[in-house]
Amino acid sequence: MTDTALSIPQADIKSLEELYTFRGKTEILQFLDKYQFLVAPLQLAAQKVRSYFPNEQLFLRIDHDPEIIDYVHLVLSIPTERDPHDALNRLNQFDEDWLQSLPYEVQKHLITTPEFQDDV
């Protein structure tokens, strides 16, 4: 599927590409085409996460749960060199302050996670 075959406006795709590095662009765009209600929260999430991780690069990728057939979600990953406890506390605070206020359908399909040097 190419960008032109998507029903997501090109302006939305461009804005997301300015905010995030895509790991698997085609798969991400197909997912967002299916769950278009994620586009607006993703556009806000990058700004919101900056309160907790001001300098980290942000990535998007698709994750397939190996234990649940057809369970796929979008992952906003935040590579960081912070102490793991600090990073997890910040991420938990972000989730509590912002992500948990979003509709259930968004929370169901969007996961945030830190990445540590050993994970990359």
Protein backbone atom coordinates (compact mmCIF):
# COMPACT_ATOMS: atom_id res chain seq x y z
CA MET A 1 0.00 0.00 0.00
CA THR A 2 1.46 3.33 -0.98
CA ASP A 3 0.71 6.71 0.55
CA THR A 4 -1.64 7.51 -2.36
CA ALA A 5 -3.83 4.47 -1.63
CA LEU A 6 -4.47 5.63 1.92
CA SER A 7 -7.48 7.56 3.07
CA ILE A 8 -5.41 9.46 5.65
CA PRO A 9 -4.81 13.03 4.47
CA GLN A 10 -1.25 13.59 3.24
CA ALA A 11 -0.98 16.59 5.59
CA ASP A 12 -1.58 14.27 8.56
CA ILE A 13 1.01 11.79 7.34
CA LYS A 14 3.52 14.60 6.87
CA SER A 15 2.86 16.04 10.34
CA LEU A 16 3.38 12.62 11.95
CA GLU A 17 6.61 12.11 10.00
CA GLU A 18 7.84 15.45 11.38
CA LEU A 19 7.12 14.32 14.94
CA TYR A 20 8.20 10.67 14.81
CA THR A 21 10.65 8.35 13.12
CA PHE A 22 8.69 5.48 11.60
CA ARG A 23 10.04 1.98 12.02
CA GLY A 24 8.17 0.23 9.25
CA LYS A 25 6.39 3.09 7.51
CA THR A 26 4.11 1.01 5.30
CA GLU A 27 2.83 -1.10 8.19
CA ILE A 28 2.33 1.99 10.38
CA LEU A 29 0.38 3.80 7.67
CA GLN A 30 -1.79 0.75 7.03
CA PHE A 31 -2.53 0.54 10.75
CA LEU A 32 -3.36 4.25 10.96
CA ASP A 33 -5.54 3.94 7.88
CA LYS A 34 -7.53 1.26 9.72
CA TYR A 35 -7.57 3.18 13.04
CA GLN A 36 -7.72 6.79 11.90
CA PHE A 37 -8.92 7.94 15.32
CA LEU A 38 -5.27 7.53 16.45
CA VAL A 39 -3.95 10.29 14.18
CA ALA A 40 -5.10 13.27 16.28
CA PRO A 41 -3.90 11.80 19.62
CA LEU A 42 -0.53 11.00 18.04
CA GLN A 43 -0.20 14.57 16.85
CA LEU A 44 -0.77 15.74 20.44
CA ALA A 45 1.26 13.00 22.12
CA ALA A 46 4.60 14.24 20.80
CA GLN A 47 4.02 17.64 22.40
CA LYS A 48 2.74 16.13 25.64
CA VAL A 49 5.62 13.65 26.00
CA ARG A 50 8.11 16.54 25.76
CA SER A 51 7.16 17.56 29.30
CA TYR A 52 8.59 14.24 30.50
CA PHE A 53 11.24 13.47 27.86
CA PRO A 54 12.28 16.85 26.42
CA ASN A 55 15.20 15.75 24.24
CA GLU A 56 14.54 12.16 23.28
CA GLN A 57 13.77 11.12 19.73
CA LEU A 58 10.33 9.53 19.30
CA PHE A 59 9.65 6.41 17.28
CA LEU A 60 6.53 4.66 16.06
CA ARG A 61 6.37 0.97 15.25
CA ILE A 62 3.80 -1.79 15.02
CA ASP A 63 3.93 -4.61 17.53
CA HIS A 64 2.25 -7.99 17.06
CA ASP A 65 1.44 -9.78 20.29
CA PRO A 66 2.77 -13.32 19.86
CA GLU A 67 0.35 -14.71 22.44
CA ILE A 68 -2.88 -13.23 21.07
CA ILE A 69 -3.75 -13.86 17.43
CA ASP A 70 -4.49 -10.68 15.46
CA TYR A 71 -3.70 -8.43 18.43
CA VAL A 72 -1.66 -5.62 16.97
CA HIS A 73 -0.94 -2.23 18.47
CA LEU A 74 1.01 0.91 17.70
CA VAL A 75 3.98 1.56 19.94
CA LEU A 76 5.32 5.01 20.71
CA SER A 77 8.83 4.22 21.88
CA ILE A 78 11.16 6.65 23.57
CA PRO A 79 14.85 5.73 23.49
CA THR A 80 16.50 7.25 26.52
CA GLU A 81 19.78 7.25 28.37
CA ARG A 82 18.04 8.15 31.62
CA ASP A 83 18.24 5.93 34.66
CA PRO A 84 15.62 3.19 34.07
CA HIS A 85 13.75 3.99 37.29
CA ASP A 86 13.57 7.67 36.36
CA ALA A 87 12.46 6.87 32.81
CA LEU A 88 9.75 4.48 33.98
CA ASN A 89 8.53 6.98 36.58
CA ARG A 90 8.34 9.68 33.89
CA LEU A 91 6.53 7.37 31.51
CA ASN A 92 4.08 6.27 34.20
CA GLN A 93 3.41 9.92 35.02
CA PHE A 94 2.84 10.71 31.32
CA ASP A 95 0.43 7.78 31.05
CA GLU A 96 -1.41 8.86 34.20
CA ASP A 97 -1.51 12.57 33.32
CA TRP A 98 -2.45 12.28 29.68
CA LEU A 99 -2.74 8.88 28.04
CA GLN A 100 -5.28 7.51 30.51
CA SER A 101 -7.55 10.48 29.83
CA LEU A 102 -7.94 9.40 26.21
CA PRO A 103 -10.85 7.24 25.01
CA TYR A 104 -10.58 3.52 25.60
CA GLU A 105 -10.23 2.77 21.89
CA VAL A 106 -7.09 4.92 21.73
CA GLN A 107 -5.61 3.31 24.84
CA LYS A 108 -6.41 -0.13 23.42
CA HIS A 109 -4.35 0.47 20.27
CA LEU A 110 -1.56 2.79 21.46
CA ILE A 111 1.22 1.76 23.83
CA THR A 112 4.08 3.89 25.12
CA THR A 113 7.38 2.41 26.18
CA PRO A 114 10.90 3.56 26.95
CA GLU A 115 13.85 1.97 25.19
CA PHE A 116 17.12 1.59 26.99
CA GLN A 117 20.56 1.27 25.45
CA ASP A 118 20.49 -2.51 25.97
CA ASP A 119 17.11 -2.74 24.15
CA VAL A 120 18.26 -1.03 20.96
